[in-house]
Amino acid sequence: KAVHEALAQATDLNFIGNVESREL
């Protein structure tokens, strides 16, 4: 949860959110 919040706020990263292993 902490990592998700930090990555979502990073303006220089194209963060798409959480992903599940079955979709890799």
mmCIF file of all heavy atoms, coordinates in Angstrom:
data_MODEL
# 
_entry.id   MODEL 
# 
loop_
_atom_site.group_PDB 
_atom_site.id 
_atom_site.type_symbol 
_atom_site.label_atom_id 
_atom_site.label_alt_id 
_atom_site.label_comp_id 
_atom_site.label_asym_id 
_atom_site.label_entity_id 
_atom_site.label_seq_id 
_atom_site.pdbx_PDB_ins_code 
_atom_site.Cartn_x 
_atom_site.Cartn_y 
_atom_site.Cartn_z 
_atom_site.occupancy 
_atom_site.B_iso_or_equiv 
_atom_site.pdbx_formal_charge 
_atom_site.auth_seq_id 
_atom_site.auth_comp_id 
_atom_site.auth_asym_id 
_atom_site.auth_atom_id 
_atom_site.pdbx_PDB_model_num 
ATOM 1   N N   . LYS A 1 1  ? 0.834  -1.209  0.000   1.00 0.00 ? 1  LYS A N   1 
ATOM 2   C CA  . LYS A 1 1  ? 0.000  0.000   0.000   1.00 0.00 ? 1  LYS A CA  1 
ATOM 3   C C   . LYS A 1 1  ? 0.866  1.255   0.000   1.00 0.00 ? 1  LYS A C   1 
ATOM 4   O O   . LYS A 1 1  ? 0.582  2.234   -0.703  1.00 0.00 ? 1  LYS A O   1 
ATOM 5   C CB  . LYS A 1 1  ? -0.931 -0.007  1.210   1.00 0.00 ? 1  LYS A CB  1 
ATOM 6   C CG  . LYS A 1 1  ? -2.028 -1.068  1.126   1.00 0.00 ? 1  LYS A CG  1 
ATOM 7   C CD  . LYS A 1 1  ? -2.883 -1.077  2.390   1.00 0.00 ? 1  LYS A CD  1 
ATOM 8   C CE  . LYS A 1 1  ? -3.952 -2.168  2.310   1.00 0.00 ? 1  LYS A CE  1 
ATOM 9   N NZ  . LYS A 1 1  ? -4.781 -2.241  3.541   1.00 0.00 ? 1  LYS A NZ  1 
ATOM 10  N N   . ALA A 1 2  ? 1.944  1.228   0.784   1.00 0.00 ? 2  ALA A N   1 
ATOM 11  C CA  . ALA A 1 2  ? 2.855  2.383   0.839   1.00 0.00 ? 2  ALA A CA  1 
ATOM 12  C C   . ALA A 1 2  ? 3.561  2.583   -0.501  1.00 0.00 ? 2  ALA A C   1 
ATOM 13  O O   . ALA A 1 2  ? 3.713  3.720   -0.970  1.00 0.00 ? 2  ALA A O   1 
ATOM 14  C CB  . ALA A 1 2  ? 3.876  2.189   1.957   1.00 0.00 ? 2  ALA A CB  1 
ATOM 15  N N   . VAL A 1 3  ? 3.992  1.480   -1.129  1.00 0.00 ? 3  VAL A N   1 
ATOM 16  C CA  . VAL A 1 3  ? 4.672  1.581   -2.425  1.00 0.00 ? 3  VAL A CA  1 
ATOM 17  C C   . VAL A 1 3  ? 3.712  2.093   -3.488  1.00 0.00 ? 3  VAL A C   1 
ATOM 18  O O   . VAL A 1 3  ? 4.061  2.951   -4.308  1.00 0.00 ? 3  VAL A O   1 
ATOM 19  C CB  . VAL A 1 3  ? 5.252  0.213   -2.845  1.00 0.00 ? 3  VAL A CB  1 
ATOM 20  C CG1 . VAL A 1 3  ? 5.872  0.302   -4.232  1.00 0.00 ? 3  VAL A CG1 1 
ATOM 21  C CG2 . VAL A 1 3  ? 6.286  -0.253  -1.847  1.00 0.00 ? 3  VAL A CG2 1 
ATOM 22  N N   . HIS A 1 4  ? 2.497  1.579   -3.469  1.00 0.00 ? 4  HIS A N   1 
ATOM 23  C CA  . HIS A 1 4  ? 1.496  2.014   -4.446  1.00 0.00 ? 4  HIS A CA  1 
ATOM 24  C C   . HIS A 1 4  ? 1.264  3.514   -4.337  1.00 0.00 ? 4  HIS A C   1 
ATOM 25  O O   . HIS A 1 4  ? 1.228  4.233   -5.356  1.00 0.00 ? 4  HIS A O   1 
ATOM 26  C CB  . HIS A 1 4  ? 0.186  1.260   -4.221  1.00 0.00 ? 4  HIS A CB  1 
ATOM 27  C CG  . HIS A 1 4  ? -0.857 1.520   -5.283  1.00 0.00 ? 4  HIS A CG  1 
ATOM 28  N ND1 . HIS A 1 4  ? -1.577 2.697   -5.362  1.00 0.00 ? 4  HIS A ND1 1 
ATOM 29  C CD2 . HIS A 1 4  ? -1.272 0.752   -6.336  1.00 0.00 ? 4  HIS A CD2 1 
ATOM 30  C CE1 . HIS A 1 4  ? -2.403 2.644   -6.381  1.00 0.00 ? 4  HIS A CE1 1 
ATOM 31  N NE2 . HIS A 1 4  ? -2.232 1.482   -6.998  1.00 0.00 ? 4  HIS A NE2 1 
ATOM 32  N N   . GLU A 1 5  ? 1.141  4.010   -3.139  1.00 0.00 ? 5  GLU A N   1 
ATOM 33  C CA  . GLU A 1 5  ? 0.898  5.445   -2.938  1.00 0.00 ? 5  GLU A CA  1 
ATOM 34  C C   . GLU A 1 5  ? 2.078  6.279   -3.460  1.00 0.00 ? 5  GLU A C   1 
ATOM 35  O O   . GLU A 1 5  ? 1.882  7.301   -4.128  1.00 0.00 ? 5  GLU A O   1 
ATOM 36  C CB  . GLU A 1 5  ? 0.671  5.742   -1.457  1.00 0.00 ? 5  GLU A CB  1 
ATOM 37  C CG  . GLU A 1 5  ? 0.357  7.201   -1.161  1.00 0.00 ? 5  GLU A CG  1 
ATOM 38  C CD  . GLU A 1 5  ? 0.095  7.472   0.310   1.00 0.00 ? 5  GLU A CD  1 
ATOM 39  O OE1 . GLU A 1 5  ? 0.047  6.493   1.094   1.00 0.00 ? 5  GLU A OE1 1 
ATOM 40  O OE2 . GLU A 1 5  ? -0.048 8.649   0.673   1.00 0.00 ? 5  GLU A OE2 1 
ATOM 41  N N   . ALA A 1 6  ? 3.293  5.820   -3.167  1.00 0.00 ? 6  ALA A N   1 
ATOM 42  C CA  . ALA A 1 6  ? 4.483  6.568   -3.593  1.00 0.00 ? 6  ALA A CA  1 
ATOM 43  C C   . ALA A 1 6  ? 4.626  6.562   -5.113  1.00 0.00 ? 6  ALA A C   1 
ATOM 44  O O   . ALA A 1 6  ? 4.934  7.594   -5.725  1.00 0.00 ? 6  ALA A O   1 
ATOM 45  C CB  . ALA A 1 6  ? 5.727  5.979   -2.941  1.00 0.00 ? 6  ALA A CB  1 
ATOM 46  N N   . LEU A 1 7  ? 4.410  5.414   -5.736  1.00 0.00 ? 7  LEU A N   1 
ATOM 47  C CA  . LEU A 1 7  ? 4.546  5.326   -7.183  1.00 0.00 ? 7  LEU A CA  1 
ATOM 48  C C   . LEU A 1 7  ? 3.453  6.119   -7.894  1.00 0.00 ? 7  LEU A C   1 
ATOM 49  O O   . LEU A 1 7  ? 3.696  6.721   -8.951  1.00 0.00 ? 7  LEU A O   1 
ATOM 50  C CB  . LEU A 1 7  ? 4.512  3.861   -7.628  1.00 0.00 ? 7  LEU A CB  1 
ATOM 51  C CG  . LEU A 1 7  ? 5.697  2.995   -7.201  1.00 0.00 ? 7  LEU A CG  1 
ATOM 52  C CD1 . LEU A 1 7  ? 5.492  1.552   -7.647  1.00 0.00 ? 7  LEU A CD1 1 
ATOM 53  C CD2 . LEU A 1 7  ? 6.998  3.529   -7.777  1.00 0.00 ? 7  LEU A CD2 1 
ATOM 54  N N   . ALA A 1 8  ? 2.267  6.134   -7.320  1.00 0.00 ? 8  ALA A N   1 
ATOM 55  C CA  . ALA A 1 8  ? 1.159  6.885   -7.921  1.00 0.00 ? 8  ALA A CA  1 
ATOM 56  C C   . ALA A 1 8  ? 1.438  8.384   -7.907  1.00 0.00 ? 8  ALA A C   1 
ATOM 57  O O   . ALA A 1 8  ? 0.925  9.123   -8.760  1.00 0.00 ? 8  ALA A O   1 
ATOM 58  C CB  . ALA A 1 8  ? -0.135 6.578   -7.179  1.00 0.00 ? 8  ALA A CB  1 
ATOM 59  N N   . GLN A 1 9  ? 2.245  8.839   -6.961  1.00 0.00 ? 9  GLN A N   1 
ATOM 60  C CA  . GLN A 1 9  ? 2.554  10.263  -6.848  1.00 0.00 ? 9  GLN A CA  1 
ATOM 61  C C   . GLN A 1 9  ? 3.802  10.662  -7.637  1.00 0.00 ? 9  GLN A C   1 
ATOM 62  O O   . GLN A 1 9  ? 4.106  11.852  -7.765  1.00 0.00 ? 9  GLN A O   1 
ATOM 63  C CB  . GLN A 1 9  ? 2.749  10.637  -5.370  1.00 0.00 ? 9  GLN A CB  1 
ATOM 64  C CG  . GLN A 1 9  ? 1.487  10.514  -4.541  1.00 0.00 ? 9  GLN A CG  1 
ATOM 65  C CD  . GLN A 1 9  ? 1.726  10.783  -3.058  1.00 0.00 ? 9  GLN A CD  1 
ATOM 66  O OE1 . GLN A 1 9  ? 2.845  11.047  -2.643  1.00 0.00 ? 9  GLN A OE1 1 
ATOM 67  N NE2 . GLN A 1 9  ? 0.662  10.703  -2.272  1.00 0.00 ? 9  GLN A NE2 1 
ATOM 68  N N   . ALA A 1 10 ? 4.533  9.694   -8.167  1.00 0.00 ? 10 ALA A N   1 
ATOM 69  C CA  . ALA A 1 10 ? 5.767  9.976   -8.908  1.00 0.00 ? 10 ALA A CA  1 
ATOM 70  C C   . ALA A 1 10 ? 5.424  10.467  -10.312 1.00 0.00 ? 10 ALA A C   1 
ATOM 71  O O   . ALA A 1 10 ? 4.919  9.710   -11.141 1.00 0.00 ? 10 ALA A O   1 
ATOM 72  C CB  . ALA A 1 10 ? 6.642  8.727   -8.971  1.00 0.00 ? 10 ALA A CB  1 
ATOM 73  N N   . THR A 1 11 ? 5.714  11.719  -10.597 1.00 0.00 ? 11 THR A N   1 
ATOM 74  C CA  . THR A 1 11 ? 5.320  12.327  -11.873 1.00 0.00 ? 11 THR A CA  1 
ATOM 75  C C   . THR A 1 11 ? 6.179  11.861  -13.043 1.00 0.00 ? 11 THR A C   1 
ATOM 76  O O   . THR A 1 11 ? 5.768  12.000  -14.196 1.00 0.00 ? 11 THR A O   1 
ATOM 77  C CB  . THR A 1 11 ? 5.397  13.857  -11.775 1.00 0.00 ? 11 THR A CB  1 
ATOM 78  O OG1 . THR A 1 11 ? 6.730  14.238  -11.399 1.00 0.00 ? 11 THR A OG1 1 
ATOM 79  C CG2 . THR A 1 11 ? 4.413  14.379  -10.730 1.00 0.00 ? 11 THR A CG2 1 
ATOM 80  N N   . ASP A 1 12 ? 7.380  11.319  -12.770 1.00 0.00 ? 12 ASP A N   1 
ATOM 81  C CA  . ASP A 1 12 ? 8.261  10.897  -13.863 1.00 0.00 ? 12 ASP A CA  1 
ATOM 82  C C   . ASP A 1 12 ? 8.196  9.397   -14.127 1.00 0.00 ? 12 ASP A C   1 
ATOM 83  O O   . ASP A 1 12 ? 9.038  8.847   -14.822 1.00 0.00 ? 12 ASP A O   1 
ATOM 84  C CB  . ASP A 1 12 ? 9.705  11.319  -13.581 1.00 0.00 ? 12 ASP A CB  1 
ATOM 85  C CG  . ASP A 1 12 ? 10.226 10.783  -12.254 1.00 0.00 ? 12 ASP A CG  1 
ATOM 86  O OD1 . ASP A 1 12 ? 9.397  10.322  -11.436 1.00 0.00 ? 12 ASP A OD1 1 
ATOM 87  O OD2 . ASP A 1 12 ? 11.449 10.835  -12.037 1.00 0.00 ? 12 ASP A OD2 1 
ATOM 88  N N   . LEU A 1 13 ? 7.205  8.716   -13.551 1.00 0.00 ? 13 LEU A N   1 
ATOM 89  C CA  . LEU A 1 13 ? 7.012  7.288   -13.773 1.00 0.00 ? 13 LEU A CA  1 
ATOM 90  C C   . LEU A 1 13 ? 5.623  7.040   -14.359 1.00 0.00 ? 13 LEU A C   1 
ATOM 91  O O   . LEU A 1 13 ? 4.635  7.618   -13.884 1.00 0.00 ? 13 LEU A O   1 
ATOM 92  C CB  . LEU A 1 13 ? 7.161  6.508   -12.464 1.00 0.00 ? 13 LEU A CB  1 
ATOM 93  C CG  . LEU A 1 13 ? 8.534  6.492   -11.799 1.00 0.00 ? 13 LEU A CG  1 
ATOM 94  C CD1 . LEU A 1 13 ? 8.459  5.770   -10.456 1.00 0.00 ? 13 LEU A CD1 1 
ATOM 95  C CD2 . LEU A 1 13 ? 9.575  5.848   -12.692 1.00 0.00 ? 13 LEU A CD2 1 
ATOM 96  N N   . ASN A 1 14 ? 5.548  6.170   -15.349 1.00 0.00 ? 14 ASN A N   1 
ATOM 97  C CA  . ASN A 1 14 ? 4.265  5.800   -15.949 1.00 0.00 ? 14 ASN A CA  1 
ATOM 98  C C   . ASN A 1 14 ? 3.696  4.610   -15.176 1.00 0.00 ? 14 ASN A C   1 
ATOM 99  O O   . ASN A 1 14 ? 3.679  3.476   -15.661 1.00 0.00 ? 14 ASN A O   1 
ATOM 100 C CB  . ASN A 1 14 ? 4.478  5.454   -17.421 1.00 0.00 ? 14 ASN A CB  1 
ATOM 101 C CG  . ASN A 1 14 ? 3.184  5.099   -18.125 1.00 0.00 ? 14 ASN A CG  1 
ATOM 102 O OD1 . ASN A 1 14 ? 2.091  5.374   -17.624 1.00 0.00 ? 14 ASN A OD1 1 
ATOM 103 N ND2 . ASN A 1 14 ? 3.295  4.478   -19.291 1.00 0.00 ? 14 ASN A ND2 1 
ATOM 104 N N   . PHE A 1 15 ? 3.236  4.895   -13.957 1.00 0.00 ? 15 PHE A N   1 
ATOM 105 C CA  . PHE A 1 15 ? 2.746  3.840   -13.073 1.00 0.00 ? 15 PHE A CA  1 
ATOM 106 C C   . PHE A 1 15 ? 1.300  3.512   -13.415 1.00 0.00 ? 15 PHE A C   1 
ATOM 107 O O   . PHE A 1 15 ? 0.429  4.385   -13.407 1.00 0.00 ? 15 PHE A O   1 
ATOM 108 C CB  . PHE A 1 15 ? 2.847  4.297   -11.615 1.00 0.00 ? 15 PHE A CB  1 
ATOM 109 C CG  . PHE A 1 15 ? 2.376  3.282   -10.614 1.00 0.00 ? 15 PHE A CG  1 
ATOM 110 C CD1 . PHE A 1 15 ? 2.915  2.009   -10.566 1.00 0.00 ? 15 PHE A CD1 1 
ATOM 111 C CD2 . PHE A 1 15 ? 1.378  3.609   -9.698  1.00 0.00 ? 15 PHE A CD2 1 
ATOM 112 C CE1 . PHE A 1 15 ? 2.485  1.086   -9.648  1.00 0.00 ? 15 PHE A CE1 1 
ATOM 113 C CE2 . PHE A 1 15 ? 0.940  2.691   -8.768  1.00 0.00 ? 15 PHE A CE2 1 
ATOM 114 C CZ  . PHE A 1 15 ? 1.489  1.422   -8.738  1.00 0.00 ? 15 PHE A CZ  1 
ATOM 115 N N   . ILE A 1 16 ? 1.031  2.221   -13.702 1.00 0.00 ? 16 ILE A N   1 
ATOM 116 C CA  . ILE A 1 16 ? -0.312 1.799   -14.113 1.00 0.00 ? 16 ILE A CA  1 
ATOM 117 C C   . ILE A 1 16 ? -1.083 1.125   -12.985 1.00 0.00 ? 16 ILE A C   1 
ATOM 118 O O   . ILE A 1 16 ? -2.214 0.685   -13.172 1.00 0.00 ? 16 ILE A O   1 
ATOM 119 C CB  . ILE A 1 16 ? -0.254 0.876   -15.340 1.00 0.00 ? 16 ILE A CB  1 
ATOM 120 C CG1 . ILE A 1 16 ? 0.529  -0.411  -15.014 1.00 0.00 ? 16 ILE A CG1 1 
ATOM 121 C CG2 . ILE A 1 16 ? 0.366  1.592   -16.529 1.00 0.00 ? 16 ILE A CG2 1 
ATOM 122 C CD1 . ILE A 1 16 ? 0.431  -1.477  -16.088 1.00 0.00 ? 16 ILE A CD1 1 
ATOM 123 N N   . GLY A 1 17 ? -0.454 0.996   -11.795 1.00 0.00 ? 17 GLY A N   1 
ATOM 124 C CA  . GLY A 1 17 ? -1.137 0.399   -10.654 1.00 0.00 ? 17 GLY A CA  1 
ATOM 125 C C   . GLY A 1 17 ? -0.695 -1.030  -10.369 1.00 0.00 ? 17 GLY A C   1 
ATOM 126 O O   . GLY A 1 17 ? 0.328  -1.502  -10.859 1.00 0.00 ? 17 GLY A O   1 
ATOM 127 N N   . ASN A 1 18 ? -1.488 -1.720  -9.566  1.00 0.00 ? 18 ASN A N   1 
ATOM 128 C CA  . ASN A 1 18 ? -1.194 -3.107  -9.214  1.00 0.00 ? 18 ASN A CA  1 
ATOM 129 C C   . ASN A 1 18 ? -1.449 -4.045  -10.395 1.00 0.00 ? 18 ASN A C   1 
ATOM 130 O O   . ASN A 1 18 ? -2.374 -3.820  -11.189 1.00 0.00 ? 18 ASN A O   1 
ATOM 131 C CB  . ASN A 1 18 ? -2.073 -3.551  -8.037  1.00 0.00 ? 18 ASN A CB  1 
ATOM 132 C CG  . ASN A 1 18 ? -1.706 -2.845  -6.750  1.00 0.00 ? 18 ASN A CG  1 
ATOM 133 O OD1 . ASN A 1 18 ? -0.538 -2.564  -6.499  1.00 0.00 ? 18 ASN A OD1 1 
ATOM 134 N ND2 . ASN A 1 18 ? -2.706 -2.560  -5.907  1.00 0.00 ? 18 ASN A ND2 1 
ATOM 135 N N   . VAL A 1 19 ? -0.650 -5.094  -10.484 1.00 0.00 ? 19 VAL A N   1 
ATOM 136 C CA  . VAL A 1 19 ? -0.855 -6.124  -11.503 1.00 0.00 ? 19 VAL A CA  1 
ATOM 137 C C   . VAL A 1 19 ? -0.803 -7.488  -10.817 1.00 0.00 ? 19 VAL A C   1 
ATOM 138 O O   . VAL A 1 19 ? -0.133 -7.661  -9.805  1.00 0.00 ? 19 VAL A O   1 
ATOM 139 C CB  . VAL A 1 19 ? 0.194  -6.052  -12.619 1.00 0.00 ? 19 VAL A CB  1 
ATOM 140 C CG1 . VAL A 1 19 ? 0.088  -4.741  -13.369 1.00 0.00 ? 19 VAL A CG1 1 
ATOM 141 C CG2 . VAL A 1 19 ? 1.608  -6.238  -12.081 1.00 0.00 ? 19 VAL A CG2 1 
ATOM 142 N N   . GLU A 1 20 ? -1.535 -8.447  -11.385 1.00 0.00 ? 20 GLU A N   1 
ATOM 143 C CA  . GLU A 1 20 ? -1.566 -9.793  -10.833 1.00 0.00 ? 20 GLU A CA  1 
ATOM 144 C C   . GLU A 1 20 ? -0.648 -10.720 -11.626 1.00 0.00 ? 20 GLU A C   1 
ATOM 145 O O   . GLU A 1 20 ? -0.426 -10.524 -12.827 1.00 0.00 ? 20 GLU A O   1 
ATOM 146 C CB  . GLU A 1 20 ? -2.994 -10.336 -10.853 1.00 0.00 ? 20 GLU A CB  1 
ATOM 147 C CG  . GLU A 1 20 ? -3.942 -9.570  -9.935  1.00 0.00 ? 20 GLU A CG  1 
ATOM 148 C CD  . GLU A 1 20 ? -5.342 -10.130 -9.974  1.00 0.00 ? 20 GLU A CD  1 
ATOM 149 O OE1 . GLU A 1 20 ? -5.963 -10.111 -11.057 1.00 0.00 ? 20 GLU A OE1 1 
ATOM 150 O OE2 . GLU A 1 20 ? -5.826 -10.599 -8.924  1.00 0.00 ? 20 GLU A OE2 1 
ATOM 151 N N   . SER A 1 21 ? -0.147 -11.753 -10.956 1.00 0.00 ? 21 SER A N   1 
ATOM 152 C CA  . SER A 1 21 ? 0.826  -12.645 -11.592 1.00 0.00 ? 21 SER A CA  1 
ATOM 153 C C   . SER A 1 21 ? 0.239  -13.379 -12.790 1.00 0.00 ? 21 SER A C   1 
ATOM 154 O O   . SER A 1 21 ? 0.970  -13.699 -13.739 1.00 0.00 ? 21 SER A O   1 
ATOM 155 C CB  . SER A 1 21 ? 1.359  -13.646 -10.571 1.00 0.00 ? 21 SER A CB  1 
ATOM 156 O OG  . SER A 1 21 ? 0.307  -14.408 -10.002 1.00 0.00 ? 21 SER A OG  1 
ATOM 157 N N   . ARG A 1 22 ? -1.065 -13.648 -12.781 1.00 0.00 ? 22 ARG A N   1 
ATOM 158 C CA  . ARG A 1 22 ? -1.662 -14.390 -13.889 1.00 0.00 ? 22 ARG A CA  1 
ATOM 159 C C   . ARG A 1 22 ? -1.675 -13.602 -15.192 1.00 0.00 ? 22 ARG A C   1 
ATOM 160 O O   . ARG A 1 22 ? -1.866 -14.164 -16.275 1.00 0.00 ? 22 ARG A O   1 
ATOM 161 C CB  . ARG A 1 22 ? -3.098 -14.799 -13.531 1.00 0.00 ? 22 ARG A CB  1 
ATOM 162 C CG  . ARG A 1 22 ? -4.059 -13.630 -13.350 1.00 0.00 ? 22 ARG A CG  1 
ATOM 163 C CD  . ARG A 1 22 ? -5.438 -14.121 -12.967 1.00 0.00 ? 22 ARG A CD  1 
ATOM 164 N NE  . ARG A 1 22 ? -6.365 -13.026 -12.739 1.00 0.00 ? 22 ARG A NE  1 
ATOM 165 C CZ  . ARG A 1 22 ? -7.638 -13.194 -12.356 1.00 0.00 ? 22 ARG A CZ  1 
ATOM 166 N NH1 . ARG A 1 22 ? -8.098 -14.420 -12.150 1.00 0.00 ? 22 ARG A NH1 1 
ATOM 167 N NH2 . ARG A 1 22 ? -8.413 -12.161 -12.171 1.00 0.00 ? 22 ARG A NH2 1 
ATOM 168 N N   . GLU A 1 23 ? -1.470 -12.276 -15.116 1.00 0.00 ? 23 GLU A N   1 
ATOM 169 C CA  . GLU A 1 23 ? -1.484 -11.445 -16.312 1.00 0.00 ? 23 GLU A CA  1 
ATOM 170 C C   . GLU A 1 23 ? -0.088 -11.094 -16.828 1.00 0.00 ? 23 GLU A C   1 
ATOM 171 O O   . GLU A 1 23 ? 0.040  -10.400 -17.834 1.00 0.00 ? 23 GLU A O   1 
ATOM 172 C CB  . GLU A 1 23 ? -2.253 -10.141 -16.025 1.00 0.00 ? 23 GLU A CB  1 
ATOM 173 C CG  . GLU A 1 23 ? -3.731 -10.331 -15.739 1.00 0.00 ? 23 GLU A CG  1 
ATOM 174 C CD  . GLU A 1 23 ? -4.469 -10.920 -16.933 1.00 0.00 ? 23 GLU A CD  1 
ATOM 175 O OE1 . GLU A 1 23 ? -4.071 -10.665 -18.085 1.00 0.00 ? 23 GLU A OE1 1 
ATOM 176 O OE2 . GLU A 1 23 ? -5.450 -11.666 -16.724 1.00 0.00 ? 23 GLU A OE2 1 
ATOM 177 N N   . LEU A 1 24 ? 0.964  -11.548 -16.155 1.00 0.00 ? 24 LEU A N   1 
ATOM 178 C CA  . LEU A 1 24 ? 2.322  -11.130 -16.524 1.00 0.00 ? 24 LEU A CA  1 
ATOM 179 C C   . LEU A 1 24 ? 2.683  -11.513 -17.946 1.00 0.00 ? 24 LEU A C   1 
ATOM 180 O O   . LEU A 1 24 ? 3.209  -10.709 -18.712 1.00 0.00 ? 24 LEU A O   1 
ATOM 181 C CB  . LEU A 1 24 ? 3.335  -11.724 -15.537 1.00 0.00 ? 24 LEU A CB  1 
ATOM 182 C CG  . LEU A 1 24 ? 3.227  -11.258 -14.078 1.00 0.00 ? 24 LEU A CG  1 
ATOM 183 C CD1 . LEU A 1 24 ? 4.335  -11.877 -13.246 1.00 0.00 ? 24 LEU A CD1 1 
ATOM 184 C CD2 . LEU A 1 24 ? 3.263  -9.738  -13.984 1.00 0.00 ? 24 LEU A CD2 1 
# 
